[in-house]
Amino acid sequence: MKLSVIIPCYNGAVTIADQLEALANQYWSETWEVIVSDNGSTDNSMEIVMRYQNRLPNLRIADASDRRGQAHARNIGARLAVGESLVFCDADDEVAPGWLAAMGEALSRYDFVACRIDIDKLNEPWVRKNRKSPQQDGIQKYDYPPYLPHAGGSTIGVKRRLHQAVGGFDESMILLEDTDYCWKIQRKGVEFHFVPDAVIYVRLRKSIKGIYRQAHGYGEYNVKIYKRYLPLGMPKLSWKQGVFSWKAFIMHFMKSIPRIRDKGDLAYWAWQFGWYLGRLKGSIKYRVFAL
């Protein structure tokens, strides 16, 4: 088996059929399989998955219900996988035509790759209005403070032996386990390659509350990962940088209040507030200055 596609799933009944339909329409000359790693779903997600067993002959379900979290679900799927390479995608996203072949061919040349993200197809205009499209022209840069590049967990492809060598995803990381994973692999001297011909359509949060909570979580876990990698070469953030960042944020908000016109503008500020308050919480929780 050349390739194993691993999909972590928790209560994905609303969207997983779209992902499996997209996979059923993929074409590649080599052998491949799909593993849906069930993270304890209580809806009918797995019933929907089983309906695709005739269209995806190498489709299997892995039981990852013993511990919640995408990191655990991906690791369980990887343990069951028999492919030489692993590619990860999510149950609420959708792979574009040609994704499988492009990822498979890239992994025949490289050990570690990531595909391109498209946020236009699956998201309403207000959701996209003030959101930058990550990973559209290359692997994402990490710039506060500057460190190694990273990619979303649902976009990664890796040789199975390399996944095993780094111990898989860190299951103690509720968020940013994918960033940590990318850095662990690169710190072994492995180059990270972008695959522009492989595209995945990604769904973003579709409520103001959901957008705020996601940004808050990312802000907090960016502090956690900062503390982890600070002894490993990540540049130290100064008090001056933190004060400047917060001052710029507050001034930008005060100037923007009169220009908040619609739900898209509100979503932008929900993200900004979530991010900054998450970093503040993380700095207190992990006892490190990273504002």
C-alpha atoms as a PDB file:
ATOM      1  CA  MET A   1       0.000   0.000   0.000  1.00  0.00           C
ATOM      2  CA  LYS A   2       1.480   3.331  -1.076  1.00  0.00           C
ATOM      3  CA  LEU A   3      -0.725   5.779   0.766  1.00  0.00           C
ATOM      4  CA  SER A   4      -3.011   5.918   3.821  1.00  0.00           C
ATOM      5  CA  VAL A   5      -5.529   8.765   4.089  1.00  0.00           C
ATOM      6  CA  ILE A   6      -6.390   9.366   7.749  1.00  0.00           C
ATOM      7  CA  ILE A   7      -9.515  11.286   8.790  1.00  0.00           C
ATOM      8  CA  PRO A   8     -10.113  12.047  12.493  1.00  0.00           C
ATOM      9  CA  CYS A   9     -13.850  12.298  13.140  1.00  0.00           C
ATOM     10  CA  TYR A  10     -15.971  13.382  16.078  1.00  0.00           C
ATOM     11  CA  ASN A  11     -19.688  13.845  15.370  1.00  0.00           C
ATOM     12  CA  GLY A  12     -19.088  14.658  11.723  1.00  0.00           C
ATOM     13  CA  ALA A  13     -22.435  13.475  10.354  1.00  0.00           C
ATOM     14  CA  VAL A  14     -23.240  16.830   8.744  1.00  0.00           C
ATOM     15  CA  THR A  15     -20.081  16.986   6.632  1.00  0.00           C
ATOM     16  CA  ILE A  16     -18.248  13.656   6.413  1.00  0.00           C
ATOM     17  CA  ALA A  17     -20.260  12.442   3.422  1.00  0.00           C
ATOM     18  CA  ASP A  18     -18.932  15.405   1.423  1.00  0.00           C
ATOM     19  CA  GLN A  19     -15.365  14.454   2.285  1.00  0.00           C
ATOM     20  CA  LEU A  20     -15.862  10.760   1.483  1.00  0.00           C
ATOM     21  CA  GLU A  21     -17.650  11.647  -1.765  1.00  0.00           C
ATOM     22  CA  ALA A  22     -14.694  13.796  -2.760  1.00  0.00           C
ATOM     23  CA  LEU A  23     -12.297  10.955  -1.936  1.00  0.00           C
ATOM     24  CA  ALA A  24     -14.401   8.436  -3.867  1.00  0.00           C
ATOM     25  CA  ASN A  25     -13.912  10.622  -6.943  1.00  0.00           C
ATOM     26  CA  GLN A  26     -10.119  10.732  -6.655  1.00  0.00           C
ATOM     27  CA  TYR A  27      -7.954   8.859  -9.164  1.00  0.00           C
ATOM     28  CA  TRP A  28      -4.407   7.609  -8.719  1.00  0.00           C
ATOM     29  CA  SER A  29      -2.535   4.743 -10.302  1.00  0.00           C
ATOM     30  CA  GLU A  30      -1.060   3.488  -7.004  1.00  0.00           C
ATOM     31  CA  THR A  31      -2.746   1.652  -4.141  1.00  0.00           C
ATOM     32  CA  TRP A  32      -4.278   3.636  -1.270  1.00  0.00           C
ATOM     33  CA  GLU A  33      -6.610   3.303   1.671  1.00  0.00           C
ATOM     34  CA  VAL A  34      -8.835   5.513   3.818  1.00  0.00           C
ATOM     35  CA  ILE A  35      -8.987   5.244   7.609  1.00  0.00           C
ATOM     36  CA  VAL A  36     -11.677   7.140   9.499  1.00  0.00           C
ATOM     37  CA  SER A  37     -10.532   7.438  13.097  1.00  0.00           C
ATOM     38  CA  ASP A  38     -13.666   7.686  15.243  1.00  0.00           C
ATOM     39  CA  ASN A  39     -12.967   9.871  18.274  1.00  0.00           C
ATOM     40  CA  GLY A  40     -16.103   8.787  20.143  1.00  0.00           C
ATOM     41  CA  SER A  41     -18.878  10.080  17.899  1.00  0.00           C
ATOM     42  CA  THR A  42     -22.404   9.972  19.338  1.00  0.00           C
ATOM     43  CA  ASP A  43     -24.190  10.817  16.085  1.00  0.00           C
ATOM     44  CA  ASN A  44     -24.555   8.614  13.000  1.00  0.00           C
ATOM     45  CA  SER A  45     -21.161   9.528  11.517  1.00  0.00           C
ATOM     46  CA  MET A  46     -19.961   5.940  11.348  1.00  0.00           C
ATOM     47  CA  GLU A  47     -23.173   4.738   9.713  1.00  0.00           C
ATOM     48  CA  ILE A  48     -22.526   7.269   6.954  1.00  0.00           C
ATOM     49  CA  VAL A  49     -18.906   6.094   6.676  1.00  0.00           C
ATOM     50  CA  MET A  50     -19.977   2.454   6.270  1.00  0.00           C
ATOM     51  CA  ARG A  51     -22.188   3.400   3.324  1.00  0.00           C
ATOM     52  CA  TYR A  52     -19.018   4.290   1.405  1.00  0.00           C
ATOM     53  CA  GLN A  53     -17.308   0.911   1.820  1.00  0.00           C
ATOM     54  CA  ASN A  54     -18.392  -0.201  -1.649  1.00  0.00           C
ATOM     55  CA  ARG A  55     -17.119   2.993  -3.270  1.00  0.00           C
ATOM     56  CA  LEU A  56     -13.897   3.091  -1.232  1.00  0.00           C
ATOM     57  CA  PRO A  57     -12.883  -0.596  -1.050  1.00  0.00           C
ATOM     58  CA  ASN A  58      -9.924   0.055   1.246  1.00  0.00           C
ATOM     59  CA  LEU A  59     -11.997   2.025   3.749  1.00  0.00           C
ATOM     60  CA  ARG A  60     -11.671   1.149   7.439  1.00  0.00           C
ATOM     61  CA  ILE A  61     -12.829   2.586  10.754  1.00  0.00           C
ATOM     62  CA  ALA A  62     -10.400   2.916  13.678  1.00  0.00           C
ATOM     63  CA  ASP A  63     -11.671   3.121  17.245  1.00  0.00           C
ATOM     64  CA  ALA A  64     -10.108   6.204  18.855  1.00  0.00           C
ATOM     65  CA  SER A  65     -12.854   6.736  21.419  1.00  0.00           C
ATOM     66  CA  ASP A  66     -10.704   6.151  24.499  1.00  0.00           C
ATOM     67  CA  ARG A  67      -9.264   9.693  24.511  1.00  0.00           C
ATOM     68  CA  ARG A  68     -10.668  12.875  23.021  1.00  0.00           C
ATOM     69  CA  GLY A  69      -8.610  15.019  20.677  1.00  0.00           C
ATOM     70  CA  GLN A  70      -7.511  15.223  17.054  1.00  0.00           C
ATOM     71  CA  ALA A  71      -3.928  14.344  17.955  1.00  0.00           C
ATOM     72  CA  HIS A  72      -5.025  11.051  19.495  1.00  0.00           C
ATOM     73  CA  ALA A  73      -7.400  10.253  16.625  1.00  0.00           C
ATOM     74  CA  ARG A  74      -4.682  10.863  14.038  1.00  0.00           C
ATOM     75  CA  ASN A  75      -2.192   8.743  15.973  1.00  0.00           C
ATOM     76  CA  ILE A  76      -4.629   5.828  16.260  1.00  0.00           C
ATOM     77  CA  GLY A  77      -5.346   6.025  12.534  1.00  0.00           C
ATOM     78  CA  ALA A  78      -1.615   6.083  11.798  1.00  0.00           C
ATOM     79  CA  ARG A  79      -1.051   2.952  13.915  1.00  0.00           C
ATOM     80  CA  LEU A  80      -3.641   1.073  11.893  1.00  0.00           C
ATOM     81  CA  ALA A  81      -2.319   2.380   8.561  1.00  0.00           C
ATOM     82  CA  VAL A  82      -0.273   0.151   6.257  1.00  0.00           C
ATOM     83  CA  GLY A  83       0.678   2.761   3.670  1.00  0.00           C
ATOM     84  CA  GLU A  84       4.266   3.817   3.119  1.00  0.00           C
ATOM     85  CA  SER A  85       3.068   7.407   3.493  1.00  0.00           C
ATOM     86  CA  LEU A  86       0.321   9.065   5.526  1.00  0.00           C
ATOM     87  CA  VAL A  87      -1.853  11.994   4.500  1.00  0.00           C
ATOM     88  CA  PHE A  88      -4.218  13.694   6.917  1.00  0.00           C
ATOM     89  CA  CYS A  89      -7.479  15.484   6.182  1.00  0.00           C
ATOM     90  CA  ASP A  90     -10.486  16.442   8.318  1.00  0.00           C
ATOM     91  CA  ALA A  91     -14.071  15.242   8.353  1.00  0.00           C
ATOM     92  CA  ASP A  92     -15.457  18.768   7.898  1.00  0.00           C
ATOM     93  CA  ASP A  93     -13.290  19.696   4.912  1.00  0.00           C
ATOM     94  CA  GLU A  94     -13.295  18.523   1.293  1.00  0.00           C
ATOM     95  CA  VAL A  95     -10.387  17.502  -0.903  1.00  0.00           C
ATOM     96  CA  ALA A  96     -10.350  19.023  -4.379  1.00  0.00           C
ATOM     97  CA  PRO A  97     -10.113  16.985  -7.602  1.00  0.00           C
ATOM     98  CA  GLY A  98      -6.552  15.770  -8.135  1.00  0.00           C
ATOM     99  CA  TRP A  99      -5.602  16.146  -4.451  1.00  0.00           C
ATOM    100  CA  LEU A 100      -4.778  12.477  -3.903  1.00  0.00           C
ATOM    101  CA  ALA A 101      -2.562  12.063  -6.963  1.00  0.00           C
ATOM    102  CA  ALA A 102      -0.729  15.333  -6.283  1.00  0.00           C
ATOM    103  CA  MET A 103      -0.039  14.365  -2.652  1.00  0.00           C
ATOM    104  CA  GLY A 104       0.917  10.820  -3.604  1.00  0.00           C
ATOM    105  CA  GLU A 105       3.342  11.956  -6.279  1.00  0.00           C
ATOM    106  CA  ALA A 106       4.864  14.551  -3.961  1.00  0.00           C
ATOM    107  CA  LEU A 107       5.431  11.893  -1.297  1.00  0.00           C
ATOM    108  CA  SER A 108       7.193   9.697  -3.834  1.00  0.00           C
ATOM    109  CA  ARG A 109       9.843  12.464  -4.013  1.00  0.00           C
ATOM    110  CA  TYR A 110       9.792  14.029  -0.559  1.00  0.00           C
ATOM    111  CA  ASP A 111       9.357  12.860   3.027  1.00  0.00           C
ATOM    112  CA  PHE A 112       7.256  15.719   4.353  1.00  0.00           C
ATOM    113  CA  VAL A 113       4.746  17.857   2.433  1.00  0.00           C
ATOM    114  CA  ALA A 114       1.685  20.086   2.817  1.00  0.00           C
ATOM    115  CA  CYS A 115      -1.051  20.996   0.345  1.00  0.00           C
ATOM    116  CA  ARG A 116      -2.742  24.288  -0.532  1.00  0.00           C
ATOM    117  CA  ILE A 117      -5.779  25.625   1.359  1.00  0.00           C
ATOM    118  CA  ASP A 118      -8.853  27.171  -0.272  1.00  0.00           C
ATOM    119  CA  ILE A 119     -11.345  28.949   2.022  1.00  0.00           C
ATOM    120  CA  ASP A 120     -13.621  30.314  -0.709  1.00  0.00           C
ATOM    121  CA  LYS A 121     -15.733  27.310  -1.675  1.00  0.00           C
ATOM    122  CA  LEU A 122     -17.147  26.220   1.705  1.00  0.00           C
ATOM    123  CA  ASN A 123     -17.522  29.535   3.534  1.00  0.00           C
ATOM    124  CA  GLU A 124     -20.000  32.393   3.329  1.00  0.00           C
ATOM    125  CA  PRO A 125     -18.717  35.837   2.269  1.00  0.00           C
ATOM    126  CA  TRP A 126     -19.035  37.325   5.784  1.00  0.00           C
ATOM    127  CA  VAL A 127     -16.847  34.532   7.200  1.00  0.00           C
ATOM    128  CA  ARG A 128     -14.166  35.162   4.583  1.00  0.00           C
ATOM    129  CA  LYS A 129     -14.406  38.962   4.568  1.00  0.00           C
ATOM    130  CA  ASN A 130     -11.567  39.783   6.963  1.00  0.00           C
ATOM    131  CA  ARG A 131      -9.815  36.433   7.138  1.00  0.00           C
ATOM    132  CA  LYS A 132      -6.495  35.895   5.454  1.00  0.00           C
ATOM    133  CA  SER A 133      -6.366  32.685   3.472  1.00  0.00           C
ATOM    134  CA  PRO A 134      -3.537  30.688   5.065  1.00  0.00           C
ATOM    135  CA  GLN A 135      -1.337  28.330   3.102  1.00  0.00           C
ATOM    136  CA  GLN A 136      -2.494  29.556  -0.277  1.00  0.00           C
ATOM    137  CA  ASP A 137       0.868  30.392  -1.795  1.00  0.00           C
ATOM    138  CA  GLY A 138       3.194  28.362   0.400  1.00  0.00           C
ATOM    139  CA  ILE A 139       3.691  26.780   3.782  1.00  0.00           C
ATOM    140  CA  GLN A 140       2.624  29.054   6.639  1.00  0.00           C
ATOM    141  CA  LYS A 141       5.234  31.250   8.272  1.00  0.00           C
ATOM    142  CA  TYR A 142       5.447  31.544  12.026  1.00  0.00           C
ATOM    143  CA  ASP A 143       6.432  35.110  12.811  1.00  0.00           C
ATOM    144  CA  TYR A 144       5.682  35.987  16.441  1.00  0.00           C
ATOM    145  CA  PRO A 145       8.452  35.347  17.199  1.00  0.00           C
ATOM    146  CA  PRO A 146       9.973  34.081  13.893  1.00  0.00           C
ATOM    147  CA  TYR A 147      10.536  30.327  13.881  1.00  0.00           C
ATOM    148  CA  LEU A 148      10.101  27.319  11.614  1.00  0.00           C
ATOM    149  CA  PRO A 149       7.251  27.118   9.058  1.00  0.00           C
ATOM    150  CA  HIS A 150       4.172  25.042   9.817  1.00  0.00           C
ATOM    151  CA  ALA A 151       0.973  23.756   8.216  1.00  0.00           C
ATOM    152  CA  GLY A 152      -2.554  22.822   9.217  1.00  0.00           C
ATOM    153  CA  GLY A 153      -2.930  19.241  10.386  1.00  0.00           C
ATOM    154  CA  SER A 154      -5.535  18.532   7.692  1.00  0.00           C
ATOM    155  CA  THR A 155      -3.042  19.409   4.952  1.00  0.00           C
ATOM    156  CA  ILE A 156      -0.015  17.324   5.910  1.00  0.00           C
ATOM    157  CA  GLY A 157       1.553  14.332   4.168  1.00  0.00           C
ATOM    158  CA  VAL A 158       4.461  12.411   5.697  1.00  0.00           C
ATOM    159  CA  LYS A 159       6.343   9.146   5.381  1.00  0.00           C
ATOM    160  CA  ARG A 160       5.011   6.695   7.975  1.00  0.00           C
ATOM    161  CA  ARG A 161       8.506   5.887   9.280  1.00  0.00           C
ATOM    162  CA  LEU A 162       9.067   9.599   9.949  1.00  0.00           C
ATOM    163  CA  HIS A 163       5.745   9.905  11.769  1.00  0.00           C
ATOM    164  CA  GLN A 164       6.805   7.004  13.966  1.00  0.00           C
ATOM    165  CA  ALA A 165      10.288   8.448  14.512  1.00  0.00           C
ATOM    166  CA  VAL A 166       8.899  11.646  16.098  1.00  0.00           C
ATOM    167  CA  GLY A 167       6.300   9.782  18.154  1.00  0.00           C
ATOM    168  CA  GLY A 168       3.328  11.082  16.194  1.00  0.00           C
ATOM    169  CA  PHE A 169       1.263  14.052  17.321  1.00  0.00           C
ATOM    170  CA  ASP A 170       1.614  15.210  20.915  1.00  0.00           C
ATOM    171  CA  GLU A 171      -1.662  14.161  22.539  1.00  0.00           C
ATOM    172  CA  SER A 172      -1.221  16.625  25.409  1.00  0.00           C
ATOM    173  CA  MET A 173      -1.719  19.469  22.904  1.00  0.00           C
ATOM    174  CA  ILE A 174      -5.425  20.201  22.520  1.00  0.00           C
ATOM    175  CA  LEU A 175      -4.575  22.821  19.896  1.00  0.00           C
ATOM    176  CA  LEU A 176      -1.497  23.522  17.747  1.00  0.00           C
ATOM    177  CA  GLU A 177      -0.532  19.861  17.867  1.00  0.00           C
ATOM    178  CA  ASP A 178      -0.010  20.247  14.122  1.00  0.00           C
ATOM    179  CA  THR A 179       2.438  23.143  14.557  1.00  0.00           C
ATOM    180  CA  ASP A 180       4.348  21.170  17.159  1.00  0.00           C
ATOM    181  CA  TYR A 181       4.362  18.142  14.830  1.00  0.00           C
ATOM    182  CA  CYS A 182       5.757  20.184  11.925  1.00  0.00           C
ATOM    183  CA  TRP A 183       8.515  21.566  14.110  1.00  0.00           C
ATOM    184  CA  LYS A 184       9.491  18.181  15.556  1.00  0.00           C
ATOM    185  CA  ILE A 185       9.964  16.803  12.062  1.00  0.00           C
ATOM    186  CA  GLN A 186      11.910  19.797  10.760  1.00  0.00           C
ATOM    187  CA  ARG A 187      14.180  19.752  13.795  1.00  0.00           C
ATOM    188  CA  LYS A 188      15.289  16.313  12.592  1.00  0.00           C
ATOM    189  CA  GLY A 189      16.668  18.006   9.487  1.00  0.00           C
ATOM    190  CA  VAL A 190      13.769  17.077   7.195  1.00  0.00           C
ATOM    191  CA  GLU A 191      12.775  19.647   4.554  1.00  0.00           C
ATOM    192  CA  PHE A 192       9.148  20.734   4.346  1.00  0.00           C
ATOM    193  CA  HIS A 193       7.738  20.966   0.795  1.00  0.00           C
ATOM    194  CA  PHE A 194       4.638  22.772  -0.490  1.00  0.00           C
ATOM    195  CA  VAL A 195       2.375  20.997  -3.018  1.00  0.00           C
ATOM    196  CA  PRO A 196       0.400  23.723  -4.849  1.00  0.00           C
ATOM    197  CA  ASP A 197      -1.425  21.254  -7.118  1.00  0.00           C
ATOM    198  CA  ALA A 198      -2.994  19.521  -4.115  1.00  0.00           C
ATOM    199  CA  VAL A 199      -5.873  21.620  -2.777  1.00  0.00           C
ATOM    200  CA  ILE A 200      -8.191  21.135   0.176  1.00  0.00           C
ATOM    201  CA  TYR A 201     -11.362  23.158   0.721  1.00  0.00           C
ATOM    202  CA  VAL A 202     -11.467  24.138   4.405  1.00  0.00           C
ATOM    203  CA  ARG A 203     -14.505  25.098   6.495  1.00  0.00           C
ATOM    204  CA  LEU A 204     -14.014  27.949   8.939  1.00  0.00           C
ATOM    205  CA  ARG A 205     -16.064  28.613  12.098  1.00  0.00           C
ATOM    206  CA  LYS A 206     -19.527  29.924  11.219  1.00  0.00           C
ATOM    207  CA  SER A 207     -20.560  31.724  14.408  1.00  0.00           C
ATOM    208  CA  ILE A 208     -19.142  34.744  16.218  1.00  0.00           C
ATOM    209  CA  LYS A 209     -18.843  32.687  19.404  1.00  0.00           C
ATOM    210  CA  GLY A 210     -17.061  29.870  17.587  1.00  0.00           C
ATOM    211  CA  ILE A 211     -14.646  32.314  15.929  1.00  0.00           C
ATOM    212  CA  TYR A 212     -13.851  33.944  19.282  1.00  0.00           C
ATOM    213  CA  ARG A 213     -13.324  30.627  21.068  1.00  0.00           C
ATOM    214  CA  GLN A 214     -11.029  29.282  18.359  1.00  0.00           C
ATOM    215  CA  ALA A 215      -8.896  32.437  18.364  1.00  0.00           C
ATOM    216  CA  HIS A 216      -8.750  32.417  22.174  1.00  0.00           C
ATOM    217  CA  GLY A 217      -7.557  28.803  22.144  1.00  0.00           C
ATOM    218  CA  TYR A 218      -4.954  29.511  19.480  1.00  0.00           C
ATOM    219  CA  GLY A 219      -3.685  32.501  21.441  1.00  0.00           C
ATOM    220  CA  GLU A 220      -3.313  30.459  24.617  1.00  0.00           C
ATOM    221  CA  TYR A 221      -1.608  27.511  22.936  1.00  0.00           C
ATOM    222  CA  ASN A 222       0.738  29.775  21.009  1.00  0.00           C
ATOM    223  CA  VAL A 223       2.096  30.762  24.429  1.00  0.00           C
ATOM    224  CA  LYS A 224       2.379  27.113  25.458  1.00  0.00           C
ATOM    225  CA  ILE A 225       4.312  26.227  22.322  1.00  0.00           C
ATOM    226  CA  TYR A 226       6.452  29.353  22.738  1.00  0.00           C
ATOM    227  CA  LYS A 227       7.492  28.192  26.216  1.00  0.00           C
ATOM    228  CA  ARG A 228       8.253  24.699  24.885  1.00  0.00           C
ATOM    229  CA  TYR A 229      10.491  25.877  22.035  1.00  0.00           C
ATOM    230  CA  LEU A 230      12.142  28.822  23.761  1.00  0.00           C
ATOM    231  CA  PRO A 231      15.021  26.583  24.945  1.00  0.00           C
ATOM    232  CA  LEU A 232      15.227  25.117  21.420  1.00  0.00           C
ATOM    233  CA  GLY A 233      16.173  28.229  19.523  1.00  0.00           C
ATOM    234  CA  MET A 234      12.928  30.201  19.344  1.00  0.00           C
ATOM    235  CA  PRO A 235      13.713  33.924  19.807  1.00  0.00           C
ATOM    236  CA  LYS A 236      12.608  35.442  23.094  1.00  0.00           C
ATOM    237  CA  LEU A 237       9.821  38.025  23.081  1.00  0.00           C
ATOM    238  CA  SER A 238      10.624  41.237  24.920  1.00  0.00           C
ATOM    239  CA  TRP A 239       8.426  43.369  27.143  1.00  0.00           C
ATOM    240  CA  LYS A 240       8.831  46.141  24.587  1.00  0.00           C
ATOM    241  CA  GLN A 241       7.417  43.942  21.806  1.00  0.00           C
ATOM    242  CA  GLY A 242       4.450  42.958  23.966  1.00  0.00           C
ATOM    243  CA  VAL A 243       3.606  46.529  24.985  1.00  0.00           C
ATOM    244  CA  PHE A 244       3.907  47.709  21.372  1.00  0.00           C
ATOM    245  CA  SER A 245       1.651  44.898  20.149  1.00  0.00           C
ATOM    246  CA  TRP A 246      -1.093  45.608  22.698  1.00  0.00           C
ATOM    247  CA  LYS A 247      -0.869  49.359  22.136  1.00  0.00           C
ATOM    248  CA  ALA A 248      -1.242  48.882  18.379  1.00  0.00           C
ATOM    249  CA  PHE A 249      -4.192  46.519  18.937  1.00  0.00           C
ATOM    250  CA  ILE A 250      -6.046  48.972  21.202  1.00  0.00           C
ATOM    251  CA  MET A 251      -5.436  51.953  18.925  1.00  0.00           C
ATOM    252  CA  HIS A 252      -6.569  49.979  15.876  1.00  0.00           C
ATOM    253  CA  PHE A 253      -9.753  48.929  17.689  1.00  0.00           C
ATOM    254  CA  MET A 254     -10.600  52.470  18.818  1.00  0.00           C
ATOM    255  CA  LYS A 255     -10.207  53.772  15.273  1.00  0.00           C
ATOM    256  CA  SER A 256     -12.245  50.900  13.831  1.00  0.00           C
ATOM    257  CA  ILE A 257     -15.329  51.112  16.106  1.00  0.00           C
ATOM    258  CA  PRO A 258     -17.189  53.522  13.783  1.00  0.00           C
ATOM    259  CA  ARG A 259     -16.412  51.269  10.820  1.00  0.00           C
ATOM    260  CA  ILE A 260     -17.952  48.057  12.223  1.00  0.00           C
ATOM    261  CA  ARG A 261     -20.775  47.707   9.713  1.00  0.00           C
ATOM    262  CA  ASP A 262     -21.669  44.049   9.401  1.00  0.00           C
ATOM    263  CA  LYS A 263     -21.183  40.518  10.654  1.00  0.00           C
ATOM    264  CA  GLY A 264     -17.885  40.176   8.811  1.00  0.00           C
ATOM    265  CA  ASP A 265     -16.428  43.149  10.698  1.00  0.00           C
ATOM    266  CA  LEU A 266     -17.756  41.749  13.977  1.00  0.00           C
ATOM    267  CA  ALA A 267     -16.133  38.388  13.195  1.00  0.00           C
ATOM    268  CA  TYR A 268     -12.807  40.111  12.616  1.00  0.00           C
ATOM    269  CA  TRP A 269     -12.888  41.732  16.044  1.00  0.00           C
ATOM    270  CA  ALA A 270     -14.114  38.545  17.711  1.00  0.00           C
ATOM    271  CA  TRP A 271     -10.962  36.893  16.343  1.00  0.00           C
ATOM    272  CA  GLN A 272      -8.698  39.753  17.426  1.00  0.00           C
ATOM    273  CA  PHE A 273     -10.089  39.897  20.956  1.00  0.00           C
ATOM    274  CA  GLY A 274      -9.949  36.114  21.265  1.00  0.00           C
ATOM    275  CA  TRP A 275      -6.326  36.010  20.132  1.00  0.00           C
ATOM    276  CA  TYR A 276      -5.069  38.756  22.448  1.00  0.00           C
ATOM    277  CA  LEU A 277      -6.996  37.562  25.501  1.00  0.00           C
ATOM    278  CA  GLY A 278      -5.844  34.003  24.799  1.00  0.00           C
ATOM    279  CA  ARG A 279      -2.228  35.141  24.823  1.00  0.00           C
ATOM    280  CA  LEU A 280      -2.808  36.995  28.074  1.00  0.00           C
ATOM    281  CA  LYS A 281      -4.350  33.891  29.641  1.00  0.00           C
ATOM    282  CA  GLY A 282      -1.514  31.724  28.319  1.00  0.00           C
ATOM    283  CA  SER A 283       1.134  34.059  29.725  1.00  0.00           C
ATOM    284  CA  ILE A 284      -0.445  33.786  33.175  1.00  0.00           C
ATOM    285  CA  LYS A 285      -1.186  30.064  32.968  1.00  0.00           C
ATOM    286  CA  TYR A 286       2.236  28.999  31.697  1.00  0.00           C
ATOM    287  CA  ARG A 287       4.162  31.637  33.663  1.00  0.00           C
ATOM    288  CA  VAL A 288       6.020  33.090  30.719  1.00  0.00           C
ATOM    289  CA  PHE A 289       5.831  36.532  29.145  1.00  0.00           C
ATOM    290  CA  ALA A 290       4.444  36.171  25.634  1.00  0.00           C
ATOM    291  CA  LEU A 291       2.002  39.012  25.062  1.00  0.00           C
END
